[in-house]
Amino acid sequence: MKVLCYSSFTFSYLNRARVLFQTLRRFHPDWELVALITDRPPSGFRFDPETEPFDRVVWAEDLGIPEFPAWLFKHDVVEVCTAVKGPFIHQACEGGPFGGADAVIYLDPDTALFAPLDPLLGWLEDHDILLTPHLIDPNDTAEAIADNDLSASRTGIFNLGFVAIRTTGEGARFAKWWNDRLLDWCYDDMPLGLFVDQRWCDHVPALFDRVKVIRDPGYNVASWNLSTRKLSVQKDGAILVNGAPLRFWHFTKLGPMGDAMTKKYGADNFPVYEVWGWYKRQVTAATDPAIPERWWAYGAYSDGAPIQKAHRVLYRQRGDLQAGFPDPFQAGQDGYSQWLEREGL
C-alpha cells in the first residue's frame, strides 16, 4: 500500500515538525512525507527543503483555494493550519500533483512516533476512515471529568491531530465533505458549534460507512487521556500503554500549560516524564534561532502592523468588506487597515 503522510504547520512549528518527520522516517522510510506550510520564511532564515526530514513541501497558496488572500485573512493561525488540511487530503484523493497514494495519513506537527504504525494499514484493508477519540475509557473523578470529558464535549469527540483514509470509496467521499466544510466553516467559534476542523468529525460515524474508531490505548496518547492510560517500560526499552505498544504521542501545548496537565494526570507514573523530557530535548535540538518565537508571516499587514483577531472576524462576516478589499493584507491609503482606522475600529 502506497502511503502519503502529511502535517500542516507554520515556521514557528518547524522544530516540532522536524521531530515528527524524523520519527516517521525512522519507522516508515517508504512513506512519502509532505510538509503543508501556510507561511513564508522569516528574514534571516534560510529554508532548504532538501535538508529537511520530509520529501517535499506544499505551500498553502498552491492548493488552488479561490481568492486565497481574502480566504486566508478570515482565519487566525490555528484556524488556517487546520482549514488547509481539508483541501490537501481531498486533492490527494483526486490525483494531480498530490495524488497517487492508496492511503493518506495526517499527523499534527507536535506528535512523535515511538513504534511503527503498521496496524493502521491492516485496518485500512477493511475500513476507509480511521479516527482516534480523545477518550477511550471513562473517567471516574469529578476533576478528570471536568478537565477531560467536558473538554472533549466542547472541542470534539475525536482528536483530529490524526486521521487516516483510503483514497477511494468512503475515504474519498469523506475527504470531499471535509474539504467543503473546512473551506467555509473552519473557525474557533464554540458558541456557533465550531472548533476549527475537529467538531465536524463528530458527524463522521453517522454520515459515512467503513469508519473505524481506534480504541487501542497506544494511539494519540496526550495529557487529556493520561488519567486513564498508564505507561510502563520493558527491559528492551519498549514503551507500553495499558499493556499495548505506544505508537504515537501528541505533545499538545508544549510549555507551562502542557507541563501542568501532564504533571496533574501523569502523577506518579514516572515514564510519562521520561517521554515528555525526551520530546523537549528533541524539539530544542531541532530549533533554529533564526526563526522568531510565534512567527507567522500572515499575522501582520504588509506594513508590519499586527492583525487583530476582531478585524479578521469582521472581515469574514461582511461581504462588502471582502468585495472592497480583495487583498486585506495590503496596507496603505486604500487598504483595509486604513479603513478600520478611519472607522475607529
Protein backbone atom coordinates (compact mmCIF):
# COMPACT_ATOMS: atom_id res chain seq x y z
CA MET A 1 0.00 0.00 0.00
CA LYS A 2 1.43 3.37 -1.05
CA VAL A 3 1.12 5.83 1.85
CA LEU A 4 1.34 9.62 1.92
CA CYS A 5 1.69 11.19 5.37
CA TYR A 6 1.41 14.96 5.82
CA SER A 7 1.42 17.60 8.53
CA SER A 8 0.23 21.21 8.47
CA PHE A 9 2.20 23.95 10.23
CA THR A 10 3.94 27.33 10.13
CA PHE A 11 7.65 28.03 10.58
CA SER A 12 7.22 28.58 14.32
CA TYR A 13 6.34 24.85 14.48
CA LEU A 14 9.11 23.71 12.14
CA ASN A 15 11.09 22.39 15.12
CA ARG A 16 8.20 20.15 16.19
CA ALA A 17 7.55 19.07 12.60
CA ARG A 18 11.19 18.08 12.23
CA VAL A 19 10.87 15.76 15.23
CA LEU A 20 7.67 14.24 13.83
CA PHE A 21 9.15 13.60 10.39
CA GLN A 22 12.39 12.23 11.85
CA THR A 23 10.39 9.64 13.78
CA LEU A 24 8.24 8.87 10.74
CA ARG A 25 11.37 8.39 8.64
CA ARG A 26 12.80 6.04 11.26
CA PHE A 27 9.80 3.70 11.28
CA HIS A 28 8.41 4.23 7.76
CA PRO A 29 11.19 5.09 5.31
CA ASP A 30 8.97 4.05 2.40
CA TRP A 31 6.16 6.52 3.11
CA GLU A 32 6.01 9.83 1.24
CA LEU A 33 6.29 12.63 3.81
CA VAL A 34 4.81 16.03 2.96
CA ALA A 35 5.04 19.34 4.83
CA LEU A 36 1.98 21.56 4.23
CA ILE A 37 3.08 25.09 5.15
CA THR A 38 0.89 28.19 5.45
CA ASP A 39 3.63 30.74 5.96
CA ARG A 40 6.69 32.41 4.48
CA PRO A 41 10.22 32.09 5.89
CA PRO A 42 11.27 34.89 8.24
CA SER A 43 14.04 37.23 7.19
CA GLY A 44 17.41 35.79 8.14
CA PHE A 45 16.28 32.16 8.00
CA ARG A 46 17.35 30.10 5.00
CA PHE A 47 14.83 27.36 4.37
CA ASP A 48 16.27 24.50 2.33
CA PRO A 49 13.73 21.67 1.93
CA GLU A 50 16.50 19.39 0.66
CA THR A 51 18.00 19.29 4.17
CA GLU A 52 14.71 18.65 5.97
CA PRO A 53 13.38 15.22 7.04
CA PHE A 54 10.41 15.37 4.66
CA ASP A 55 10.20 14.59 0.96
CA ARG A 56 8.55 17.75 -0.26
CA VAL A 57 6.82 20.97 0.67
CA VAL A 58 3.36 22.03 -0.42
CA TRP A 59 2.61 25.72 0.13
CA ALA A 60 -0.97 26.58 1.06
CA GLU A 61 -1.22 29.14 -1.74
CA ASP A 62 -0.63 26.32 -4.23
CA LEU A 63 -3.77 24.43 -3.19
CA GLY A 64 -5.86 26.48 -5.63
CA ILE A 65 -8.17 27.95 -2.98
CA PRO A 66 -10.22 30.71 -4.68
CA GLU A 67 -9.45 34.29 -3.65
CA PHE A 68 -6.70 32.99 -1.43
CA PRO A 69 -5.58 36.26 0.28
CA ALA A 70 -9.16 37.06 1.32
CA TRP A 71 -9.81 33.48 2.42
CA LEU A 72 -6.59 33.33 4.41
CA PHE A 73 -7.24 36.65 6.14
CA LYS A 74 -10.50 35.35 7.62
CA HIS A 75 -8.55 32.88 9.76
CA ASP A 76 -6.11 33.10 12.64
CA VAL A 77 -3.06 30.85 12.60
CA VAL A 78 -4.69 27.82 14.23
CA GLU A 79 -7.81 28.11 12.12
CA VAL A 80 -5.94 28.29 8.84
CA CYS A 81 -3.46 25.50 9.60
CA THR A 82 -6.42 23.23 10.27
CA ALA A 83 -8.51 24.55 7.38
CA VAL A 84 -5.91 23.68 4.72
CA LYS A 85 -5.91 20.04 5.83
CA GLY A 86 -9.22 19.53 4.00
CA PRO A 87 -8.19 20.81 0.55
CA PHE A 88 -4.95 18.83 0.68
CA ILE A 89 -6.49 15.49 1.64
CA HIS A 90 -9.26 15.95 -0.94
CA GLN A 91 -6.78 16.73 -3.71
CA ALA A 92 -4.67 13.74 -2.68
CA CYS A 93 -7.71 11.58 -3.46
CA GLU A 94 -8.38 13.30 -6.77
CA GLY A 95 -5.00 12.73 -8.40
CA GLY A 96 -2.95 15.61 -9.76
CA PRO A 97 0.26 16.78 -8.07
CA PHE A 98 -0.70 15.34 -4.65
CA GLY A 99 -2.31 12.12 -5.87
CA GLY A 100 -1.14 8.57 -6.41
CA ALA A 101 -1.29 7.22 -2.85
CA ASP A 102 -3.56 4.40 -1.70
CA ALA A 103 -3.81 5.87 1.79
CA VAL A 104 -3.33 9.33 3.29
CA ILE A 105 -2.47 9.88 6.93
CA TYR A 106 -2.48 13.23 8.71
CA LEU A 107 -0.49 13.84 11.91
CA ASP A 108 -0.19 17.10 13.83
CA PRO A 109 3.34 18.56 13.91
CA ASP A 110 3.52 18.16 17.70
CA THR A 111 3.21 14.37 17.54
CA ALA A 112 6.01 11.80 17.51
CA LEU A 113 6.16 8.07 16.78
CA PHE A 114 7.54 5.51 19.22
CA ALA A 115 6.68 2.37 17.24
CA PRO A 116 5.59 1.52 13.68
CA LEU A 117 2.07 2.40 12.56
CA ASP A 118 1.71 -0.80 10.54
CA PRO A 119 -1.59 -1.77 12.21
CA LEU A 120 -3.17 1.26 10.53
CA LEU A 121 -2.54 -0.29 7.13
CA GLY A 122 -4.18 -3.51 8.23
CA TRP A 123 -7.25 -1.64 9.44
CA LEU A 124 -7.40 0.26 6.14
CA GLU A 125 -7.84 -3.06 4.34
CA ASP A 126 -11.29 -3.32 5.94
CA HIS A 127 -12.13 0.34 6.65
CA ASP A 128 -11.88 3.58 4.70
CA ILE A 129 -11.69 6.11 7.56
CA LEU A 130 -9.75 5.83 10.84
CA LEU A 131 -10.28 8.20 13.78
CA THR A 132 -8.97 8.38 17.34
CA PRO A 133 -11.26 9.68 20.11
CA HIS A 134 -9.89 11.89 22.84
CA LEU A 135 -11.07 9.32 25.39
CA ILE A 136 -11.47 5.54 25.15
CA ASP A 137 -12.10 4.87 28.85
CA PRO A 138 -14.46 6.73 31.19
CA ASN A 139 -13.02 9.00 33.86
CA ASP A 140 -14.25 8.43 37.39
CA THR A 141 -13.41 11.63 39.29
CA ALA A 142 -15.21 14.94 39.07
CA GLU A 143 -11.96 16.76 38.35
CA ALA A 144 -10.98 14.49 35.46
CA ILE A 145 -14.50 14.65 34.04
CA ALA A 146 -14.40 18.46 34.15
CA ASP A 147 -10.92 18.65 32.62
CA ASN A 148 -11.18 15.93 30.00
CA ASP A 149 -14.73 14.71 29.31
CA LEU A 150 -16.26 18.17 29.16
CA SER A 151 -13.32 19.49 27.15
CA ALA A 152 -13.93 16.79 24.54
CA SER A 153 -17.63 17.67 24.52
CA ARG A 154 -16.70 21.25 23.66
CA THR A 155 -13.89 20.66 21.18
CA GLY A 156 -14.92 17.36 19.56
CA ILE A 157 -15.19 13.67 20.39
CA PHE A 158 -12.33 12.82 18.01
CA ASN A 159 -8.88 14.39 18.05
CA LEU A 160 -8.02 15.47 14.53
CA GLY A 161 -4.31 15.54 15.25
CA PHE A 162 -4.67 12.22 13.45
CA VAL A 163 -6.83 10.92 10.65
CA ALA A 164 -6.19 8.20 8.07
CA ILE A 165 -8.20 7.35 4.97
CA ARG A 166 -8.23 5.21 1.87
CA THR A 167 -8.17 7.49 -1.17
CA THR A 168 -11.14 5.68 -2.72
CA GLY A 169 -14.68 4.85 -1.63
CA GLU A 170 -15.86 6.32 1.65
CA GLY A 171 -12.41 7.76 2.31
CA ALA A 172 -12.59 9.90 -0.81
CA ARG A 173 -16.18 10.89 -0.03
CA PHE A 174 -15.13 11.94 3.47
CA ALA A 175 -12.21 13.96 2.05
CA LYS A 176 -14.52 15.90 -0.29
CA TRP A 177 -17.02 16.59 2.51
CA TRP A 178 -14.28 17.68 4.94
CA ASN A 179 -12.75 19.91 2.25
CA ASP A 180 -16.09 21.65 1.71
CA ARG A 181 -16.71 22.17 5.42
CA LEU A 182 -13.21 23.45 6.17
CA LEU A 183 -13.14 25.90 3.29
CA ASP A 184 -16.19 27.70 4.69
CA TRP A 185 -16.53 26.72 8.35
CA CYS A 186 -13.14 26.17 10.00
CA TYR A 187 -13.27 28.69 12.82
CA ASP A 188 -12.77 28.66 16.57
CA ASP A 189 -16.32 29.69 17.49
CA MET A 190 -17.68 27.37 20.17
CA PRO A 191 -20.96 29.30 20.66
CA LEU A 192 -21.65 28.59 16.98
CA GLY A 193 -20.77 24.91 17.46
CA LEU A 194 -17.39 25.16 15.77
CA PHE A 195 -13.93 24.19 16.94
CA VAL A 196 -11.80 24.50 13.81
CA ASP A 197 -11.67 21.21 11.84
CA GLN A 198 -12.49 18.98 14.79
CA ARG A 199 -16.17 19.34 15.73
CA TRP A 200 -17.17 18.50 12.17
CA CYS A 201 -15.85 14.97 12.60
CA ASP A 202 -18.35 14.25 15.38
CA HIS A 203 -20.68 13.61 12.42
CA VAL A 204 -18.44 11.11 10.64
CA PRO A 205 -19.80 7.85 12.15
CA ALA A 206 -23.32 8.97 11.23
CA LEU A 207 -22.53 10.20 7.72
CA PHE A 208 -20.08 7.58 6.45
CA ASP A 209 -19.71 3.82 6.33
CA ARG A 210 -16.48 1.83 6.77
CA VAL A 211 -15.37 4.01 9.71
CA LYS A 212 -13.13 2.56 12.42
CA VAL A 213 -12.80 4.25 15.79
CA ILE A 214 -9.38 3.24 17.12
CA ARG A 215 -9.67 2.22 20.75
CA ASP A 216 -6.10 0.98 21.12
CA PRO A 217 -4.55 2.98 24.02
CA GLY A 218 -1.20 3.30 22.22
CA TYR A 219 -2.53 5.80 19.69
CA ASN A 220 -2.78 9.55 20.30
CA VAL A 221 -1.63 9.50 23.92
CA ALA A 222 -1.85 13.02 25.33
CA SER A 223 -2.39 14.99 28.50
CA TRP A 224 -6.18 14.77 28.05
CA ASN A 225 -6.20 10.97 28.37
CA LEU A 226 -3.33 10.32 30.81
CA SER A 227 -5.90 9.98 33.58
CA THR A 228 -6.81 6.55 32.15
CA ARG A 229 -3.55 5.48 30.46
CA LYS A 230 -0.57 4.11 32.38
CA LEU A 231 2.89 3.83 30.84
CA SER A 232 5.45 1.15 31.54
CA VAL A 233 8.89 0.47 30.08
CA GLN A 234 10.06 -3.04 29.19
CA LYS A 235 13.61 -4.34 29.65
CA ASP A 236 14.25 -3.87 25.92
CA GLY A 237 13.17 -0.21 26.14
CA ALA A 238 9.78 -0.70 24.52
CA ILE A 239 7.12 1.60 25.99
CA LEU A 240 3.68 0.19 26.71
CA VAL A 241 0.41 2.00 27.40
CA ASN A 242 -2.07 -0.11 29.37
CA GLY A 243 -0.10 -3.08 28.08
CA ALA A 244 -0.21 -2.06 24.40
CA PRO A 245 2.77 -0.61 22.45
CA LEU A 246 2.99 3.19 22.49
CA ARG A 247 2.52 4.12 18.83
CA PHE A 248 2.43 7.91 18.91
CA TRP A 249 2.19 10.68 21.49
CA HIS A 250 0.53 14.03 20.96
CA PHE A 251 2.59 16.66 22.80
CA THR A 252 -0.05 19.35 22.80
CA LYS A 253 0.63 22.75 24.39
CA LEU A 254 4.35 22.31 24.92
CA GLY A 255 5.14 24.75 27.72
CA PRO A 256 3.63 25.69 31.10
CA MET A 257 0.07 24.52 30.33
CA GLY A 258 1.19 21.21 28.89
CA ASP A 259 3.58 20.72 31.81
CA ALA A 260 0.82 21.39 34.33
CA MET A 261 -1.69 18.98 32.78
CA THR A 262 0.96 16.31 32.24
CA LYS A 263 2.07 16.51 35.88
CA LYS A 264 -1.52 16.55 37.07
CA TYR A 265 -2.51 13.35 35.30
CA GLY A 266 0.88 11.71 34.98
CA ALA A 267 1.04 11.77 38.78
CA ASP A 268 3.48 9.04 39.91
CA ASN A 269 3.61 7.32 36.50
CA PHE A 270 7.27 8.24 36.05
CA PRO A 271 7.75 7.01 32.44
CA VAL A 272 5.43 9.85 31.42
CA TYR A 273 8.06 12.38 32.47
CA GLU A 274 10.81 10.47 30.65
CA VAL A 275 8.82 10.69 27.42
CA TRP A 276 7.93 14.35 27.97
CA GLY A 277 11.57 15.23 28.76
CA TRP A 278 12.81 13.35 25.70
CA TYR A 279 10.46 15.30 23.47
CA LYS A 280 11.52 18.64 24.89
CA ARG A 281 15.16 17.81 24.21
CA GLN A 282 14.37 16.79 20.64
CA VAL A 283 12.46 20.00 19.96
CA THR A 284 15.25 22.11 21.43
CA ALA A 285 17.80 20.37 19.21
CA ALA A 286 15.58 20.98 16.15
CA THR A 287 15.04 24.68 16.89
CA ASP A 288 16.64 27.27 14.62
CA PRO A 289 17.30 30.56 16.48
CA ALA A 290 16.77 32.47 13.23
CA ILE A 291 13.02 31.76 13.47
CA PRO A 292 11.37 34.21 15.91
CA GLU A 293 9.10 32.66 18.52
CA ARG A 294 5.45 32.64 17.38
CA TRP A 295 6.50 33.71 13.89
CA TRP A 296 3.73 33.79 11.27
CA ALA A 297 4.15 35.86 8.14
CA TYR A 298 0.39 36.30 7.78
CA GLY A 299 -0.04 37.65 11.28
CA ALA A 300 0.65 41.21 10.13
CA TYR A 301 -0.35 43.67 7.42
CA SER A 302 2.13 44.47 4.68
CA ASP A 303 3.46 47.39 6.74
CA GLY A 304 4.20 45.11 9.70
CA ALA A 305 1.28 46.16 11.90
CA PRO A 306 -0.22 43.15 13.73
CA ILE A 307 -3.67 41.98 12.66
CA GLN A 308 -6.22 41.80 15.46
CA LYS A 309 -8.49 38.75 15.64
CA ALA A 310 -11.54 41.05 15.76
CA HIS A 311 -10.53 42.55 12.41
CA ARG A 312 -10.38 39.08 10.85
CA VAL A 313 -13.81 38.20 12.25
CA LEU A 314 -15.34 41.46 10.98
CA TYR A 315 -13.89 40.85 7.52
CA ARG A 316 -15.27 37.32 7.25
CA GLN A 317 -18.72 38.47 8.41
CA ARG A 318 -19.12 41.24 5.82
CA GLY A 319 -19.30 40.60 2.13
CA ASP A 320 -18.97 44.31 1.34
CA LEU A 321 -15.54 44.41 3.00
CA GLN A 322 -14.44 41.30 1.11
CA ALA A 323 -15.54 42.87 -2.16
CA GLY A 324 -13.93 46.20 -1.34
CA PHE A 325 -10.62 44.78 -0.11
CA PRO A 326 -9.80 41.59 -2.08
CA ASP A 327 -6.32 41.56 -0.53
CA PRO A 328 -6.88 42.83 3.02
CA PHE A 329 -3.24 42.28 3.98
CA GLN A 330 -2.20 45.26 1.85
CA ALA A 331 -1.72 48.39 3.93
CA GLY A 332 -1.88 51.90 2.50
CA GLN A 333 -4.36 54.63 1.80
CA ASP A 334 -6.88 52.33 0.13
CA GLY A 335 -6.25 49.31 2.35
CA TYR A 336 -8.44 47.51 4.83
CA SER A 337 -6.28 48.57 7.80
CA GLN A 338 -6.67 52.22 6.85
CA TRP A 339 -10.43 51.76 6.55
CA LEU A 340 -10.50 50.28 10.05
CA GLU A 341 -8.54 53.25 11.36
CA ARG A 342 -10.93 55.73 9.72
CA GLU A 343 -13.88 53.88 11.22
CA GLY A 344 -12.26 53.89 14.65
CA LEU A 345 -12.20 50.11 14.81
